[in-house]
PDB file of N, CA and C in Angstrom:
ATOM      1  N   MET A   1     123.705  98.985 112.108  1.00  0.00           N
ATOM      2  CA  MET A   1     122.407  99.485 111.724  1.00  0.00           C
ATOM      3  C   MET A   1     121.760 100.198 112.912  1.00  0.00           C
ATOM      4  N   MET A   2     121.240 101.394 112.654  1.00  0.00           N
ATOM      5  CA  MET A   2     120.614 102.161 113.727  1.00  0.00           C
ATOM      6  C   MET A   2     119.243 101.582 114.057  1.00  0.00           C
ATOM      7  N   LYS A   3     118.932 101.611 115.333  1.00  0.00           N
ATOM      8  CA  LYS A   3     117.627 101.147 115.779  1.00  0.00           C
ATOM      9  C   LYS A   3     116.586 102.213 115.430  1.00  0.00           C
ATOM     10  N   LYS A   4     115.458 101.767 114.906  1.00  0.00           N
ATOM     11  CA  LYS A   4     114.381 102.708 114.569  1.00  0.00           C
ATOM     12  C   LYS A   4     113.788 103.285 115.854  1.00  0.00           C
ATOM     13  N   SER A   5     113.424 104.543 115.782  1.00  0.00           N
ATOM     14  CA  SER A   5     112.767 105.163 116.937  1.00  0.00           C
ATOM     15  C   SER A   5     111.354 104.605 117.067  1.00  0.00           C
ATOM     16  N   GLN A   6     110.775 104.793 118.234  1.00  0.00           N
ATOM     17  CA  GLN A   6     109.395 104.348 118.454  1.00  0.00           C
ATOM     18  C   GLN A   6     108.478 105.012 117.433  1.00  0.00           C
ATOM     19  N   ASP A   7     108.691 106.306 117.151  1.00  0.00           N
ATOM     20  CA  ASP A   7     107.853 107.023 116.194  1.00  0.00           C
ATOM     21  C   ASP A   7     107.947 106.399 114.803  1.00  0.00           C
ATOM     22  N   GLU A   8     109.151 106.024 114.387  1.00  0.00           N
ATOM     23  CA  GLU A   8     109.327 105.396 113.067  1.00  0.00           C
ATOM     24  C   GLU A   8     108.655 104.024 113.013  1.00  0.00           C
ATOM     25  N   ARG A   9     108.800 103.269 114.100  1.00  0.00           N
ATOM     26  CA  ARG A   9     108.169 101.940 114.141  1.00  0.00           C
ATOM     27  C   ARG A   9     106.654 102.060 114.042  1.00  0.00           C
ATOM     28  N   ILE A  10     106.084 103.017 114.777  1.00  0.00           N
ATOM     29  CA  ILE A  10     104.633 103.224 114.743  1.00  0.00           C
ATOM     30  C   ILE A  10     104.193 103.618 113.334  1.00  0.00           C
ATOM     31  N   ALA A  11     104.932 104.522 112.692  1.00  0.00           N
ATOM     32  CA  ALA A  11     104.579 104.996 111.344  1.00  0.00           C
ATOM     33  C   ALA A  11     104.526 103.848 110.341  1.00  0.00           C
ATOM     34  N   GLN A  12     105.427 102.866 110.498  1.00  0.00           N
ATOM     35  CA  GLN A  12     105.527 101.775 109.531  1.00  0.00           C
ATOM     36  C   GLN A  12     104.642 100.577 109.862  1.00  0.00           C
ATOM     37  N   MET A  13     104.050 100.546 111.056  1.00  0.00           N
ATOM     38  CA  MET A  13     103.125  99.454 111.397  1.00  0.00           C
ATOM     39  C   MET A  13     101.911  99.537 110.486  1.00  0.00           C
ATOM     40  N   THR A  14     101.373  98.387 110.120  1.00  0.00           N
ATOM     41  CA  THR A  14     100.172  98.419 109.284  1.00  0.00           C
ATOM     42  C   THR A  14      98.930  98.435 110.163  1.00  0.00           C
ATOM     43  N   PHE A  15      97.918  99.119 109.672  1.00  0.00           N
ATOM     44  CA  PHE A  15      96.631  99.147 110.361  1.00  0.00           C
ATOM     45  C   PHE A  15      96.091  97.711 110.470  1.00  0.00           C
ATOM     46  N   ALA A  16      96.306  96.918 109.424  1.00  0.00           N
ATOM     47  CA  ALA A  16      95.822  95.526 109.400  1.00  0.00           C
ATOM     48  C   ALA A  16      96.455  94.674 110.497  1.00  0.00           C
ATOM     49  N   SER A  17      97.667  95.004 110.918  1.00  0.00           N
ATOM     50  CA  SER A  17      98.328  94.210 111.967  1.00  0.00           C
ATOM     51  C   SER A  17      97.749  94.517 113.345  1.00  0.00           C
ATOM     52  N   VAL A  18      97.160  95.688 113.510  1.00  0.00           N
ATOM     53  CA  VAL A  18      96.670  96.126 114.819  1.00  0.00           C
ATOM     54  C   VAL A  18      95.156  95.964 114.947  1.00  0.00           C
ATOM     55  N   TYR A  19      94.434  96.103 113.837  1.00  0.00           N
ATOM     56  CA  TYR A  19      92.969  96.047 113.889  1.00  0.00           C
ATOM     57  C   TYR A  19      92.435  94.782 114.571  1.00  0.00           C
ATOM     58  N   PRO A  20      92.946  93.574 114.218  1.00  0.00           N
ATOM     59  CA  PRO A  20      92.428  92.370 114.899  1.00  0.00           C
ATOM     60  C   PRO A  20      92.671  92.403 116.413  1.00  0.00           C
ATOM     61  N   LEU A  21      93.741  93.055 116.838  1.00  0.00           N
ATOM     62  CA  LEU A  21      94.027  93.181 118.269  1.00  0.00           C
ATOM     63  C   LEU A  21      93.003  94.091 118.934  1.00  0.00           C
ATOM     64  N   TYR A  22      92.629  95.166 118.235  1.00  0.00           N
ATOM     65  CA  TYR A  22      91.577  96.055 118.743  1.00  0.00           C
ATOM     66  C   TYR A  22      90.256  95.291 118.878  1.00  0.00           C
ATOM     67  N   VAL A  23      89.909  94.527 117.839  1.00  0.00           N
ATOM     68  CA  VAL A  23      88.659  93.754 117.852  1.00  0.00           C
ATOM     69  C   VAL A  23      88.673  92.778 119.033  1.00  0.00           C
ATOM     70  N   ALA A  24      89.780  92.066 119.194  1.00  0.00           N
ATOM     71  CA  ALA A  24      89.890  91.088 120.287  1.00  0.00           C
ATOM     72  C   ALA A  24      89.775  91.777 121.644  1.00  0.00           C
ATOM     73  N   LYS A  25      90.409  92.919 121.781  1.00  0.00           N
ATOM     74  CA  LYS A  25      90.397  93.645 123.060  1.00  0.00           C
ATOM     75  C   LYS A  25      88.980  94.062 123.446  1.00  0.00           C
ATOM     76  N   VAL A  26      88.232  94.623 122.499  1.00  0.00           N
ATOM     77  CA  VAL A  26      86.895  95.120 122.853  1.00  0.00           C
ATOM     78  C   VAL A  26      85.872  93.990 122.978  1.00  0.00           C
ATOM     79  N   THR A  27      85.966  92.960 122.116  1.00  0.00           N
ATOM     80  CA  THR A  27      84.972  91.884 122.186  1.00  0.00           C
ATOM     81  C   THR A  27      85.171  91.033 123.441  1.00  0.00           C
ATOM     82  N   LYS A  28      86.414  90.901 123.885  1.00  0.00           N
ATOM     83  CA  LYS A  28      86.705  90.167 125.124  1.00  0.00           C
ATOM     84  C   LYS A  28      86.024  90.849 126.315  1.00  0.00           C
ATOM     85  N   LYS A  29      85.809  92.148 126.213  1.00  0.00           N
ATOM     86  CA  LYS A  29      85.190  92.917 127.294  1.00  0.00           C
ATOM     87  C   LYS A  29      83.696  93.151 127.059  1.00  0.00           C
ATOM     88  N   GLY A  30      83.121  92.401 126.086  1.00  0.00           N
ATOM     89  CA  GLY A  30      81.677  92.467 125.881  1.00  0.00           C
ATOM     90  C   GLY A  30      81.198  93.578 124.956  1.00  0.00           C
ATOM     91  N   ARG A  31      82.123  94.255 124.279  1.00  0.00           N
ATOM     92  CA  ARG A  31      81.731  95.274 123.299  1.00  0.00           C
ATOM     93  C   ARG A  31      81.731  94.626 121.922  1.00  0.00           C
ATOM     94  N   THR A  32      81.253  95.353 120.903  1.00  0.00           N
ATOM     95  CA  THR A  32      81.132  94.757 119.567  1.00  0.00           C
ATOM     96  C   THR A  32      82.103  95.409 118.574  1.00  0.00           C
ATOM     97  N   GLU A  33      82.362  94.679 117.485  1.00  0.00           N
ATOM     98  CA  GLU A  33      83.181  95.248 116.418  1.00  0.00           C
ATOM     99  C   GLU A  33      82.467  96.459 115.814  1.00  0.00           C
ATOM    100  N   GLU A  34      81.148  96.414 115.776  1.00  0.00           N
ATOM    101  CA  GLU A  34      80.361  97.543 115.274  1.00  0.00           C
ATOM    102  C   GLU A  34      80.661  98.809 116.082  1.00  0.00           C
ATOM    103  N   GLU A  35      80.702  98.681 117.407  1.00  0.00           N
ATOM    104  CA  GLU A  35      81.028  99.835 118.265  1.00  0.00           C
ATOM    105  C   GLU A  35      82.455 100.310 118.004  1.00  0.00           C
ATOM    106  N   LEU A  36      83.363  99.366 117.789  1.00  0.00           N
ATOM    107  CA  LEU A  36      84.745  99.712 117.460  1.00  0.00           C
ATOM    108  C   LEU A  36      84.787 100.521 116.170  1.00  0.00           C
ATOM    109  N   LEU A  37      84.046 100.075 115.168  1.00  0.00           N
ATOM    110  CA  LEU A  37      84.003 100.798 113.891  1.00  0.00           C
ATOM    111  C   LEU A  37      83.446 102.211 114.076  1.00  0.00           C
ATOM    112  N   VAL A  38      82.461 102.363 114.951  1.00  0.00           N
ATOM    113  CA  VAL A  38      81.881 103.686 115.219  1.00  0.00           C
ATOM    114  C   VAL A  38      82.950 104.633 115.771  1.00  0.00           C
ATOM    115  N   VAL A  39      83.719 104.172 116.754  1.00  0.00           N
ATOM    116  CA  VAL A  39      84.707 105.085 117.359  1.00  0.00           C
ATOM    117  C   VAL A  39      85.877 105.367 116.414  1.00  0.00           C
ATOM    118  N   ILE A  40      86.310 104.368 115.648  1.00  0.00           N
ATOM    119  CA  ILE A  40      87.397 104.605 114.687  1.00  0.00           C
ATOM    120  C   ILE A  40      86.926 105.563 113.593  1.00  0.00           C
ATOM    121  N   SER A  41      85.690 105.376 113.143  1.00  0.00           N
ATOM    122  CA  SER A  41      85.125 106.263 112.130  1.00  0.00           C
ATOM    123  C   SER A  41      85.033 107.698 112.648  1.00  0.00           C
ATOM    124  N   TRP A  42      84.598 107.846 113.889  1.00  0.00           N
ATOM    125  CA  TRP A  42      84.505 109.183 114.505  1.00  0.00           C
ATOM    126  C   TRP A  42      85.873 109.869 114.496  1.00  0.00           C
ATOM    127  N   LEU A  43      86.907 109.142 114.908  1.00  0.00           N
ATOM    128  CA  LEU A  43      88.243 109.733 114.998  1.00  0.00           C
ATOM    129  C   LEU A  43      88.832 110.029 113.622  1.00  0.00           C
ATOM    130  N   SER A  44      88.704 109.074 112.705  1.00  0.00           N
ATOM    131  CA  SER A  44      89.449 109.131 111.443  1.00  0.00           C
ATOM    132  C   SER A  44      88.706 109.799 110.291  1.00  0.00           C
ATOM    133  N   GLY A  45      87.386 109.830 110.376  1.00  0.00           N
ATOM    134  CA  GLY A  45      86.604 110.342 109.257  1.00  0.00           C
ATOM    135  C   GLY A  45      86.367 109.308 108.169  1.00  0.00           C
ATOM    136  N   TYR A  46      86.952 108.125 108.320  1.00  0.00           N
ATOM    137  CA  TYR A  46      86.711 107.052 107.348  1.00  0.00           C
ATOM    138  C   TYR A  46      85.325 106.459 107.598  1.00  0.00           C
ATOM    139  N   SER A  47      84.676 105.993 106.532  1.00  0.00           N
ATOM    140  CA  SER A  47      83.417 105.271 106.704  1.00  0.00           C
ATOM    141  C   SER A  47      83.749 103.888 107.276  1.00  0.00           C
ATOM    142  N   GLN A  48      82.728 103.234 107.817  1.00  0.00           N
ATOM    143  CA  GLN A  48      82.959 101.906 108.383  1.00  0.00           C
ATOM    144  C   GLN A  48      83.427 100.922 107.317  1.00  0.00           C
ATOM    145  N   SER A  49      82.907 101.029 106.092  1.00  0.00           N
ATOM    146  CA  SER A  49      83.354 100.114 105.029  1.00  0.00           C
ATOM    147  C   SER A  49      84.798 100.408 104.624  1.00  0.00           C
ATOM    148  N   GLU A  50      85.194 101.686 104.654  1.00  0.00           N
ATOM    149  CA  GLU A  50      86.598 102.027 104.365  1.00  0.00           C
ATOM    150  C   GLU A  50      87.521 101.438 105.432  1.00  0.00           C
ATOM    151  N   ILE A  51      87.098 101.489 106.687  1.00  0.00           N
ATOM    152  CA  ILE A  51      87.914 100.931 107.779  1.00  0.00           C
ATOM    153  C   ILE A  51      88.099  99.425 107.589  1.00  0.00           C
ATOM    154  N   ILE A  52      87.013  98.739 107.220  1.00  0.00           N
ATOM    155  CA  ILE A  52      87.101  97.295 106.961  1.00  0.00           C
ATOM    156  C   ILE A  52      88.091  97.024 105.820  1.00  0.00           C
ATOM    157  N   GLN A  53      88.003  97.815 104.742  1.00  0.00           N
ATOM    158  CA  GLN A  53      88.939  97.651 103.617  1.00  0.00           C
ATOM    159  C   GLN A  53      90.378  97.890 104.077  1.00  0.00           C
ATOM    160  N   LEU A  54      90.599  98.942 104.857  1.00  0.00           N
ATOM    161  CA  LEU A  54      91.945  99.256 105.348  1.00  0.00           C
ATOM    162  C   LEU A  54      92.474  98.152 106.260  1.00  0.00           C
ATOM    163  N   SER A  55      91.562  97.495 106.981  1.00  0.00           N
ATOM    164  CA  SER A  55      91.979  96.433 107.901  1.00  0.00           C
ATOM    165  C   SER A  55      92.436  95.180 107.148  1.00  0.00           C
ATOM    166  N   LYS A  56      92.212  95.169 105.832  1.00  0.00           N
ATOM    167  CA  LYS A  56      92.617  94.024 105.002  1.00  0.00           C
ATOM    168  C   LYS A  56      93.712  94.415 104.013  1.00  0.00           C
ATOM    169  N   SER A  57      94.294  95.602 104.206  1.00  0.00           N
ATOM    170  CA  SER A  57      95.297  96.091 103.251  1.00  0.00           C
ATOM    171  C   SER A  57      96.644  96.254 103.950  1.00  0.00           C
ATOM    172  N   ALA A  58      97.627  96.671 103.181  1.00  0.00           N
ATOM    173  CA  ALA A  58      98.974  96.885 103.725  1.00  0.00           C
ATOM    174  C   ALA A  58      99.197  98.344 104.124  1.00  0.00           C
ATOM    175  N   THR A  59      98.124  99.077 104.355  1.00  0.00           N
ATOM    176  CA  THR A  59      98.205 100.493 104.703  1.00  0.00           C
ATOM    177  C   THR A  59      98.918 100.682 106.033  1.00  0.00           C
ATOM    178  N   THR A  60      99.958 101.519 106.033  1.00  0.00           N
ATOM    179  CA  THR A  60     100.665 101.817 107.277  1.00  0.00           C
ATOM    180  C   THR A  60      99.885 102.870 108.063  1.00  0.00           C
ATOM    181  N   PHE A  61     100.225 103.012 109.340  1.00  0.00           N
ATOM    182  CA  PHE A  61      99.585 104.062 110.139  1.00  0.00           C
ATOM    183  C   PHE A  61      99.887 105.437 109.555  1.00  0.00           C
ATOM    184  N   GLU A  62     101.082 105.607 108.996  1.00  0.00           N
ATOM    185  CA  GLU A  62     101.425 106.885 108.364  1.00  0.00           C
ATOM    186  C   GLU A  62     100.447 107.187 107.224  1.00  0.00           C
ATOM    187  N   GLU A  63     100.207 106.195 106.368  1.00  0.00           N
ATOM    188  CA  GLU A  63      99.265 106.371 105.253  1.00  0.00           C
ATOM    189  C   GLU A  63      97.833 106.531 105.765  1.00  0.00           C
ATOM    190  N   PHE A  64      97.469 105.741 106.758  1.00  0.00           N
ATOM    191  CA  PHE A  64      96.122 105.779 107.341  1.00  0.00           C
ATOM    192  C   PHE A  64      95.793 107.191 107.817  1.00  0.00           C
ATOM    193  N   PHE A  65      96.709 107.794 108.569  1.00  0.00           N
ATOM    194  CA  PHE A  65      96.423 109.118 109.131  1.00  0.00           C
ATOM    195  C   PHE A  65      96.696 110.261 108.158  1.00  0.00           C
ATOM    196  N   THR A  66      97.525 110.030 107.131  1.00  0.00           N
ATOM    197  CA  THR A  66      97.720 111.055 106.101  1.00  0.00           C
ATOM    198  C   THR A  66      96.416 111.275 105.337  1.00  0.00           C
ATOM    199  N   LEU A  67      95.691 110.196 105.074  1.00  0.00           N
ATOM    200  CA  LEU A  67      94.443 110.270 104.316  1.00  0.00           C
ATOM    201  C   LEU A  67      93.214 110.500 105.196  1.00  0.00           C
ATOM    202  N   ALA A  68      93.379 110.337 106.510  1.00  0.00           N
ATOM    203  CA  ALA A  68      92.245 110.492 107.429  1.00  0.00           C
ATOM    204  C   ALA A  68      91.826 111.958 107.525  1.00  0.00           C
ATOM    205  N   ARG A  69      90.565 112.145 107.897  1.00  0.00           N
ATOM    206  CA  ARG A  69      90.045 113.490 108.191  1.00  0.00           C
ATOM    207  C   ARG A  69      89.808 113.518 109.693  1.00  0.00           C
ATOM    208  N   LEU A  70      90.878 113.786 110.430  1.00  0.00           N
ATOM    209  CA  LEU A  70      90.839 113.692 111.889  1.00  0.00           C
ATOM    210  C   LEU A  70      89.734 114.572 112.470  1.00  0.00           C
ATOM    211  N   ASN A  71      88.966 114.001 113.373  1.00  0.00           N
ATOM    212  CA  ASN A  71      87.884 114.744 114.006  1.00  0.00           C
ATOM    213  C   ASN A  71      88.459 115.960 114.747  1.00  0.00           C
ATOM    214  N   PRO A  72      87.855 117.131 114.558  1.00  0.00           N
ATOM    215  CA  PRO A  72      88.365 118.329 115.237  1.00  0.00           C
ATOM    216  C   PRO A  72      88.351 118.212 116.762  1.00  0.00           C
ATOM    217  N   ASN A  73      87.506 117.322 117.298  1.00  0.00           N
ATOM    218  CA  ASN A  73      87.460 117.129 118.750  1.00  0.00           C
ATOM    219  C   ASN A  73      88.465 116.092 119.254  1.00  0.00           C
ATOM    220  N   ALA A  74      89.310 115.568 118.373  1.00  0.00           N
ATOM    221  CA  ALA A  74      90.301 114.576 118.791  1.00  0.00           C
ATOM    222  C   ALA A  74      91.203 115.121 119.897  1.00  0.00           C
ATOM    223  N   ALA A  75      91.469 116.425 119.859  1.00  0.00           N
ATOM    224  CA  ALA A  75      92.330 117.034 120.880  1.00  0.00           C
ATOM    225  C   ALA A  75      91.714 116.960 122.279  1.00  0.00           C
ATOM    226  N   LEU A  76      90.424 116.637 122.359  1.00  0.00           N
ATOM    227  CA  LEU A  76      89.776 116.478 123.663  1.00  0.00           C
ATOM    228  C   LEU A  76      90.099 115.122 124.300  1.00  0.00           C
ATOM    229  N   ILE A  77      90.748 114.229 123.529  1.00  0.00           N
ATOM    230  CA  ILE A  77      91.133 112.924 124.066  1.00  0.00           C
ATOM    231  C   ILE A  77      92.341 113.153 124.976  1.00  0.00           C
ATOM    232  N   LYS A  78      92.174 112.819 126.240  1.00  0.00           N
ATOM    233  CA  LYS A  78      93.234 113.039 127.225  1.00  0.00           C
ATOM    234  C   LYS A  78      93.441 111.757 128.020  1.00  0.00           C
ATOM    235  N   GLY A  79      94.574 111.693 128.685  1.00  0.00           N
ATOM    236  CA  GLY A  79      94.827 110.559 129.558  1.00  0.00           C
ATOM    237  C   GLY A  79      96.077 109.804 129.163  1.00  0.00           C
ATOM    238  N   VAL A  80      96.352 108.751 129.905  1.00  0.00           N
ATOM    239  CA  VAL A  80      97.591 107.993 129.729  1.00  0.00           C
ATOM    240  C   VAL A  80      97.314 106.731 128.932  1.00  0.00           C
ATOM    241  N   ILE A  81      98.163 106.497 127.937  1.00  0.00           N
ATOM    242  CA  ILE A  81      98.122 105.247 127.182  1.00  0.00           C
ATOM    243  C   ILE A  81      99.563 104.824 126.935  1.00  0.00           C
ATOM    244  N   CYS A  82      99.869 103.575 127.188  1.00  0.00           N
ATOM    245  CA  CYS A  82     101.227 103.050 127.019  1.00  0.00           C
ATOM    246  C   CYS A  82     102.254 103.887 127.807  1.00  0.00           C
ATOM    247  N   GLY A  83     101.832 104.393 128.943  1.00  0.00           N
ATOM    248  CA  GLY A  83     102.756 105.144 129.796  1.00  0.00           C
ATOM    249  C   GLY A  83     102.958 106.598 129.414  1.00  0.00           C
ATOM    250  N   TYR A  84     102.259 107.076 128.399  1.00  0.00           N
ATOM    251  CA  TYR A  84     102.416 108.464 127.945  1.00  0.00           C
ATOM    252  C   TYR A  84     101.085 109.188 128.023  1.00  0.00           C
ATOM    253  N   LYS A  85     101.132 110.464 128.423  1.00  0.00           N
ATOM    254  CA  LYS A  85      99.919 111.286 128.365  1.00  0.00           C
ATOM    255  C   LYS A  85      99.720 111.660 126.896  1.00  0.00           C
ATOM    256  N   VAL A  86      98.588 111.299 126.314  1.00  0.00           N
ATOM    257  CA  VAL A  86      98.388 111.545 124.887  1.00  0.00           C
ATOM    258  C   VAL A  86      98.478 113.021 124.536  1.00  0.00           C
ATOM    259  N   GLU A  87      98.040 113.872 125.456  1.00  0.00           N
ATOM    260  CA  GLU A  87      98.072 115.305 125.158  1.00  0.00           C
ATOM    261  C   GLU A  87      99.493 115.875 125.142  1.00  0.00           C
ATOM    262  N   ASP A  88     100.473 115.133 125.692  1.00  0.00           N
ATOM    263  CA  ASP A  88     101.868 115.613 125.746  1.00  0.00           C
ATOM    264  C   ASP A  88     102.760 115.029 124.651  1.00  0.00           C
ATOM    265  N   ILE A  89     102.228 114.135 123.818  1.00  0.00           N
ATOM    266  CA  ILE A  89     103.043 113.513 122.755  1.00  0.00           C
ATOM    267  C   ILE A  89     103.315 114.559 121.674  1.00  0.00           C
ATOM    268  N   THR A  90     104.590 114.738 121.334  1.00  0.00           N
ATOM    269  CA  THR A  90     104.960 115.817 120.405  1.00  0.00           C
ATOM    270  C   THR A  90     104.953 115.392 118.941  1.00  0.00           C
ATOM    271  N   ASN A  91     105.170 114.105 118.650  1.00  0.00           N
ATOM    272  CA  ASN A  91     105.144 113.650 117.259  1.00  0.00           C
ATOM    273  C   ASN A  91     103.678 113.548 116.822  1.00  0.00           C
ATOM    274  N   PRO A  92     103.270 114.326 115.793  1.00  0.00           N
ATOM    275  CA  PRO A  92     101.849 114.347 115.410  1.00  0.00           C
ATOM    276  C   PRO A  92     101.281 112.981 115.036  1.00  0.00           C
ATOM    277  N   LEU A  93     102.025 112.179 114.291  1.00  0.00           N
ATOM    278  CA  LEU A  93     101.522 110.863 113.894  1.00  0.00           C
ATOM    279  C   LEU A  93     101.389 109.946 115.104  1.00  0.00           C
ATOM    280  N   THR A  94     102.419 109.916 115.937  1.00  0.00           N
ATOM    281  CA  THR A  94     102.371 109.069 117.131  1.00  0.00           C
ATOM    282  C   THR A  94     101.195 109.477 118.010  1.00  0.00           C
ATOM    283  N   GLN A  95     100.953 110.776 118.120  1.00  0.00           N
ATOM    284  CA  GLN A  95      99.829 111.253 118.927  1.00  0.00           C
ATOM    285  C   GLN A  95      98.497 110.741 118.367  1.00  0.00           C
ATOM    286  N   LYS A  96      98.344 110.778 117.045  1.00  0.00           N
ATOM    287  CA  LYS A  96      97.098 110.304 116.426  1.00  0.00           C
ATOM    288  C   LYS A  96      96.895 108.807 116.674  1.00  0.00           C
ATOM    289  N   VAL A  97      97.980 108.029 116.559  1.00  0.00           N
ATOM    290  CA  VAL A  97      97.885 106.583 116.815  1.00  0.00           C
ATOM    291  C   VAL A  97      97.515 106.346 118.273  1.00  0.00           C
ATOM    292  N   ARG A  98      98.090 107.128 119.177  1.00  0.00           N
ATOM    293  CA  ARG A  98      97.758 106.982 120.605  1.00  0.00           C
ATOM    294  C   ARG A  98      96.329 107.440 120.907  1.00  0.00           C
ATOM    295  N   TYR A  99      95.829 108.434 120.166  1.00  0.00           N
ATOM    296  CA  TYR A  99      94.402 108.790 120.293  1.00  0.00           C
ATOM    297  C   TYR A  99      93.555 107.555 119.991  1.00  0.00           C
ATOM    298  N   LEU A 100      93.912 106.883 118.897  1.00  0.00           N
ATOM    299  CA  LEU A 100      93.187 105.681 118.485  1.00  0.00           C
ATOM    300  C   LEU A 100      93.280 104.609 119.572  1.00  0.00           C
ATOM    301  N   ASP A 101      94.493 104.375 120.079  1.00  0.00           N
ATOM    302  CA  ASP A 101      94.673 103.392 121.158  1.00  0.00           C
ATOM    303  C   ASP A 101      93.818 103.756 122.365  1.00  0.00           C
ATOM    304  N   LYS A 102      93.778 105.030 122.692  1.00  0.00           N
ATOM    305  CA  LYS A 102      93.063 105.501 123.884  1.00  0.00           C
ATOM    306  C   LYS A 102      91.550 105.280 123.754  1.00  0.00           C
ATOM    307  N   ILE A 103      90.982 105.602 122.591  1.00  0.00           N
ATOM    308  CA  ILE A 103      89.530 105.426 122.459  1.00  0.00           C
ATOM    309  C   ILE A 103      89.151 103.940 122.402  1.00  0.00           C
ATOM    310  N   VAL A 104      90.039 103.108 121.852  1.00  0.00           N
ATOM    311  CA  VAL A 104      89.793 101.656 121.866  1.00  0.00           C
ATOM    312  C   VAL A 104      89.827 101.164 123.316  1.00  0.00           C
ATOM    313  N   ASP A 105      90.784 101.669 124.081  1.00  0.00           N
ATOM    314  CA  ASP A 105      90.911 101.325 125.493  1.00  0.00           C
ATOM    315  C   ASP A 105      89.655 101.749 126.274  1.00  0.00           C
ATOM    316  N   GLU A 106      89.180 102.952 125.998  1.00  0.00           N
ATOM    317  CA  GLU A 106      87.977 103.450 126.677  1.00  0.00           C
ATOM    318  C   GLU A 106      86.767 102.573 126.346  1.00  0.00           C
ATOM    319  N   LEU A 107      86.663 102.162 125.091  1.00  0.00           N
ATOM    320  CA  LEU A 107      85.568 101.281 124.676  1.00  0.00           C
ATOM    321  C   LEU A 107      85.656  99.959 125.439  1.00  0.00           C
ATOM    322  N   ALA A 108      86.853  99.394 125.499  1.00  0.00           N
ATOM    323  CA  ALA A 108      87.051  98.115 126.191  1.00  0.00           C
ATOM    324  C   ALA A 108      86.758  98.236 127.690  1.00  0.00           C
ATOM    325  N   LYS A 109      86.981  99.408 128.244  1.00  0.00           N
ATOM    326  CA  LYS A 109      86.747  99.611 129.681  1.00  0.00           C
ATOM    327  C   LYS A 109      85.292  99.934 130.000  1.00  0.00           C
ATOM    328  N   GLY A 110      84.431  99.921 128.980  1.00  0.00           N
ATOM    329  CA  GLY A 110      83.009 100.080 129.227  1.00  0.00           C
ATOM    330  C   GLY A 110      82.475 101.498 129.152  1.00  0.00           C
ATOM    331  N   LYS A 111      83.303 102.434 128.710  1.00  0.00           N
ATOM    332  CA  LYS A 111      82.833 103.811 128.580  1.00  0.00           C
ATOM    333  C   LYS A 111      81.771 103.877 127.481  1.00  0.00           C
ATOM    334  N   SER A 112      80.758 104.702 127.681  1.00  0.00           N
ATOM    335  CA  SER A 112      79.680 104.800 126.692  1.00  0.00           C
ATOM    336  C   SER A 112      80.195 105.452 125.411  1.00  0.00           C
ATOM    337  N   LEU A 113      79.567 105.085 124.289  1.00  0.00           N
ATOM    338  CA  LEU A 113      79.949 105.681 123.000  1.00  0.00           C
ATOM    339  C   LEU A 113      79.820 107.197 123.049  1.00  0.00           C
ATOM    340  N   GLU A 114      78.785 107.682 123.733  1.00  0.00           N
ATOM    341  CA  GLU A 114      78.568 109.137 123.825  1.00  0.00           C
ATOM    342  C   GLU A 114      79.751 109.840 124.480  1.00  0.00           C
ATOM    343  N   LYS A 115      80.355 109.181 125.487  1.00  0.00           N
ATOM    344  CA  LYS A 115      81.503 109.788 126.179  1.00  0.00           C
ATOM    345  C   LYS A 115      82.779 109.684 125.335  1.00  0.00           C
ATOM    346  N   ILE A 116      82.915 108.562 124.603  1.00  0.00           N
ATOM    347  CA  ILE A 116      84.109 108.369 123.779  1.00  0.00           C
ATOM    348  C   ILE A 116      84.094 109.348 122.612  1.00  0.00           C
ATOM    349  N   ILE A 117      82.923 109.505 122.005  1.00  0.00           N
ATOM    350  CA  ILE A 117      82.774 110.418 120.864  1.00  0.00           C
ATOM    351  C   ILE A 117      82.539 111.800 121.440  1.00  0.00           C
ATOM    352  N   ARG A 118      83.645 112.449 121.710  1.00  0.00           N
ATOM    353  CA  ARG A 118      83.612 113.736 122.398  1.00  0.00           C
ATOM    354  C   ARG A 118      82.981 114.807 121.518  1.00  0.00           C
ATOM    355  N   THR A 119      81.952 115.428 122.050  1.00  0.00           N
ATOM    356  CA  THR A 119      81.256 116.445 121.259  1.00  0.00           C
ATOM    357  C   THR A 119      81.570 117.845 121.743  1.00  0.00           C
ATOM    358  N   GLN A 120      82.220 117.967 122.889  1.00  0.00           N
ATOM    359  CA  GLN A 120      82.599 119.297 123.367  1.00  0.00           C
ATOM    360  C   GLN A 120      83.817 119.254 124.233  1.00  0.00           C
TER     361      GLN A 120
END
């Protein structure tokens, strides 16, 4: 049996399996789930209630981002996450998931919502 590529594994991961980890990461650093919902909503175009529903479903990251309305400023998200520069990731889905990881990381590191929600 062939080993799945990292891109395939990411595509098949469920949003519900990762969301509690995001919540734990940001709340451990003194941020709130509400702030987490704000940044995920900004990136994905989902409402906060839709994100909560998705966090309780079997929706894969592939499905999550297929239905998302990615913020046009998402391309302004730069930097290294999981050892990769997000701007250099060539697989579109993997790049979107890493955008999400990056903004969660920025929130946990104390960056202001205004800076995370890139407006220019």
